[in-house]
Amino acid sequence: MNISKTHHKIFLIGLVIVFVGMYVIIFKNTDLKNNSSALQPMKQNENHLFTSNFLEFRFSFPKSYSIVETVNTITLSKNDNLIVIEKIYGYSNSINEYLEILKEKNNLKINPSSIGQQYGFEVFNIEYYREDPVELAYFKSLGNNSFVSISTSSPDLYDDLDQIAASFEYLGDTGN
């Protein structure tokens, strides 16, 4: 059998194309099998994890928020709504006592109404007797006369507030 040089080149180029194609198909499928995240769609509601070394807090929050930390406050904002997380240093032994001191010290007319406990927090509806809406606040004692408060006055953010409280972790010593 006599193969001309032109046919010989075409045959070799075809053979190379077949081997390259097989290589791509075989190894591309192996990469997809080993990389399970390539097969799963991206989750739209993934959360960010925020850690404040200064305040000794860690919690997760939805991606849709921007976050700012100042001295003893972490503010999460979404559109024009806020969730505020504060580390409160006080001279009280209980959350109810703290709220009473807050009312007296700032001459506030507030009506804190406890609605139970959740995720280790005491949950309150706080009405300020102003035009402001009722604030939903989660309070937790951190020991040594300090508390954390996670609150919002926007009902649209209640689910996110609940999620933050559920993931909240105090990293410091509770003194217990």
Protein backbone atom coordinates (compact mmCIF):
# COMPACT_ATOMS: atom_id res chain seq x y z
CA MET A 1 0.00 0.00 0.00
CA ASN A 2 1.42 3.25 -1.11
CA ILE A 3 0.32 6.42 0.77
CA SER A 4 1.19 9.74 -0.73
CA LYS A 5 2.82 12.45 1.40
CA THR A 6 -0.33 14.59 1.32
CA HIS A 7 -2.52 11.77 2.53
CA HIS A 8 0.07 10.87 5.15
CA LYS A 9 -0.01 14.45 6.59
CA ILE A 10 -3.82 14.51 6.60
CA PHE A 11 -3.90 11.12 8.35
CA LEU A 12 -1.42 12.32 11.05
CA ILE A 13 -3.28 15.61 11.61
CA GLY A 14 -6.58 13.68 11.91
CA LEU A 15 -4.99 11.26 14.37
CA VAL A 16 -3.67 14.16 16.49
CA ILE A 17 -7.12 15.81 16.49
CA VAL A 18 -8.74 12.54 17.62
CA PHE A 19 -6.22 12.14 20.49
CA VAL A 20 -6.58 15.75 21.60
CA GLY A 21 -10.38 15.40 21.52
CA MET A 22 -10.25 12.20 23.56
CA TYR A 23 -7.87 13.83 26.06
CA VAL A 24 -10.19 16.82 26.52
CA ILE A 25 -13.29 14.64 26.90
CA ILE A 26 -11.72 12.20 29.34
CA PHE A 27 -9.94 14.70 31.60
CA LYS A 28 -12.66 17.35 31.49
CA ASN A 29 -15.22 14.80 32.73
CA THR A 30 -12.82 13.66 35.48
CA ASP A 31 -12.40 17.27 36.64
CA LEU A 32 -16.17 17.74 36.79
CA LYS A 33 -16.61 14.55 38.81
CA ASN A 34 -13.90 15.60 41.28
CA ASN A 35 -15.18 19.16 41.56
CA SER A 36 -18.71 18.77 42.87
CA SER A 37 -19.17 22.54 43.21
CA ALA A 38 -18.92 22.83 39.43
CA LEU A 39 -22.06 20.72 39.16
CA GLN A 40 -24.04 22.67 41.76
CA PRO A 41 -25.60 26.04 40.99
CA MET A 42 -24.38 28.99 43.03
CA LYS A 43 -26.56 29.69 46.06
CA GLN A 44 -28.10 33.14 45.95
CA ASN A 45 -28.47 33.50 49.72
CA GLU A 46 -25.00 32.61 50.92
CA ASN A 47 -23.99 34.35 54.12
CA HIS A 48 -20.92 36.22 55.18
CA LEU A 49 -19.22 35.49 58.48
CA PHE A 50 -18.23 38.59 60.45
CA THR A 51 -15.81 38.51 63.36
CA SER A 52 -15.06 41.50 65.56
CA ASN A 53 -11.86 40.88 67.49
CA PHE A 54 -12.39 44.07 69.49
CA LEU A 55 -15.96 43.29 70.58
CA GLU A 56 -15.28 39.53 70.61
CA PHE A 57 -18.36 38.66 68.50
CA ARG A 58 -18.84 36.36 65.54
CA PHE A 59 -22.03 35.96 63.51
CA SER A 60 -23.23 35.33 59.98
CA PHE A 61 -25.36 37.70 57.96
CA PRO A 62 -26.88 37.77 54.46
CA LYS A 63 -24.77 39.10 51.59
CA SER A 64 -27.25 41.87 50.89
CA TYR A 65 -26.03 43.93 53.88
CA SER A 66 -23.21 46.40 54.21
CA ILE A 67 -21.54 46.45 57.60
CA VAL A 68 -19.76 49.13 59.64
CA GLU A 69 -18.06 48.64 63.00
CA THR A 70 -17.46 51.54 65.39
CA VAL A 71 -16.30 51.51 69.00
CA ASN A 72 -18.96 49.27 70.61
CA THR A 73 -21.46 49.08 67.74
CA ILE A 74 -21.80 47.05 64.56
CA THR A 75 -24.34 48.41 62.09
CA LEU A 76 -25.71 46.33 59.25
CA SER A 77 -27.61 48.28 56.61
CA LYS A 78 -29.83 47.14 53.80
CA ASN A 79 -31.46 49.84 51.72
CA ASP A 80 -32.51 52.37 54.40
CA ASN A 81 -33.08 49.77 57.14
CA LEU A 82 -30.68 48.93 59.95
CA ILE A 83 -29.81 46.11 62.30
CA VAL A 84 -27.68 47.33 65.20
CA ILE A 85 -25.51 45.11 67.36
CA GLU A 86 -24.14 46.74 70.51
CA LYS A 87 -21.94 45.60 73.32
CA ILE A 88 -23.36 47.34 76.36
CA TYR A 89 -21.32 47.96 79.47
CA GLY A 90 -23.49 48.74 82.46
CA TYR A 91 -23.90 48.67 86.16
CA SER A 92 -26.67 46.12 86.27
CA ASN A 93 -26.94 42.43 86.94
CA SER A 94 -29.89 41.64 84.68
CA ILE A 95 -31.36 42.73 81.39
CA ASN A 96 -34.55 44.00 83.06
CA GLU A 97 -32.48 46.05 85.50
CA TYR A 98 -30.45 47.43 82.60
CA LEU A 99 -33.62 48.48 80.76
CA GLU A 100 -34.92 50.22 83.91
CA ILE A 101 -31.61 52.09 84.33
CA LEU A 102 -31.74 53.02 80.63
CA LYS A 103 -35.26 54.43 81.06
CA GLU A 104 -34.30 56.48 84.12
CA LYS A 105 -30.91 57.69 82.93
CA ASN A 106 -32.15 58.87 79.53
CA ASN A 107 -35.63 59.94 80.65
CA LEU A 108 -37.13 57.56 78.14
CA LYS A 109 -40.69 56.46 78.14
CA ILE A 110 -40.27 52.92 76.98
CA ASN A 111 -42.31 49.81 77.42
CA PRO A 112 -40.10 46.74 77.20
CA SER A 113 -42.28 43.71 76.72
CA SER A 114 -40.48 40.36 76.99
CA ILE A 115 -41.69 37.89 74.41
CA GLY A 116 -39.56 34.98 75.56
CA GLN A 117 -36.16 33.47 74.98
CA GLN A 118 -34.56 32.35 71.77
CA TYR A 119 -31.00 31.21 70.96
CA GLY A 120 -29.88 32.12 74.49
CA PHE A 121 -31.22 35.69 74.10
CA GLU A 122 -34.05 37.37 75.96
CA VAL A 123 -36.29 38.83 73.24
CA PHE A 124 -38.16 42.10 73.76
CA ASN A 125 -40.52 44.36 71.89
CA ILE A 126 -39.55 47.87 72.94
CA GLU A 127 -41.99 50.71 72.40
CA TYR A 128 -40.49 54.17 72.79
CA TYR A 129 -43.77 56.15 72.87
CA ARG A 130 -42.65 58.29 69.97
CA GLU A 131 -43.34 58.12 66.29
CA ASP A 132 -40.69 55.40 65.94
CA PRO A 133 -41.94 51.91 65.25
CA VAL A 134 -41.65 49.19 67.86
CA GLU A 135 -38.12 47.83 68.10
CA LEU A 136 -37.46 44.11 68.24
CA ALA A 137 -34.41 43.53 70.42
CA TYR A 138 -32.47 40.46 71.45
CA PHE A 139 -30.47 40.86 74.68
CA LYS A 140 -27.90 38.48 76.10
CA SER A 141 -25.82 38.77 79.26
CA LEU A 142 -22.10 38.38 78.64
CA GLY A 143 -21.19 38.32 82.33
CA ASN A 144 -19.27 40.99 84.25
CA ASN A 145 -22.07 43.57 83.84
CA SER A 146 -22.02 43.57 80.06
CA PHE A 147 -24.67 42.65 77.52
CA VAL A 148 -25.10 42.37 73.80
CA SER A 149 -28.12 43.84 72.06
CA ILE A 150 -29.17 42.94 68.51
CA SER A 151 -32.09 45.06 67.34
CA THR A 152 -34.06 46.56 64.48
CA SER A 153 -37.16 48.68 64.14
CA SER A 154 -37.84 47.40 60.62
CA PRO A 155 -40.27 44.46 60.40
CA ASP A 156 -38.80 43.66 56.98
CA LEU A 157 -35.55 42.66 58.72
CA TYR A 158 -36.99 40.47 61.48
CA ASP A 159 -36.05 37.21 59.70
CA ASP A 160 -32.48 38.43 59.17
CA LEU A 161 -32.31 39.62 62.80
CA ASP A 162 -33.39 36.15 63.89
CA GLN A 163 -30.75 34.55 61.66
CA ILE A 164 -28.01 36.78 63.11
CA ALA A 165 -29.10 35.95 66.66
CA ALA A 166 -29.12 32.23 65.84
CA SER A 167 -25.54 32.38 64.53
CA PHE A 168 -24.22 34.80 67.17
CA GLU A 169 -21.22 33.64 69.13
CA TYR A 170 -19.47 35.53 71.94
CA LEU A 171 -15.77 34.79 71.78
CA GLY A 172 -14.73 36.38 75.08
CA ASP A 173 -14.69 35.10 78.62
CA THR A 174 -18.16 35.19 80.16
CA GLY A 175 -16.74 35.33 83.67
CA ASN A 176 -18.67 32.22 84.70
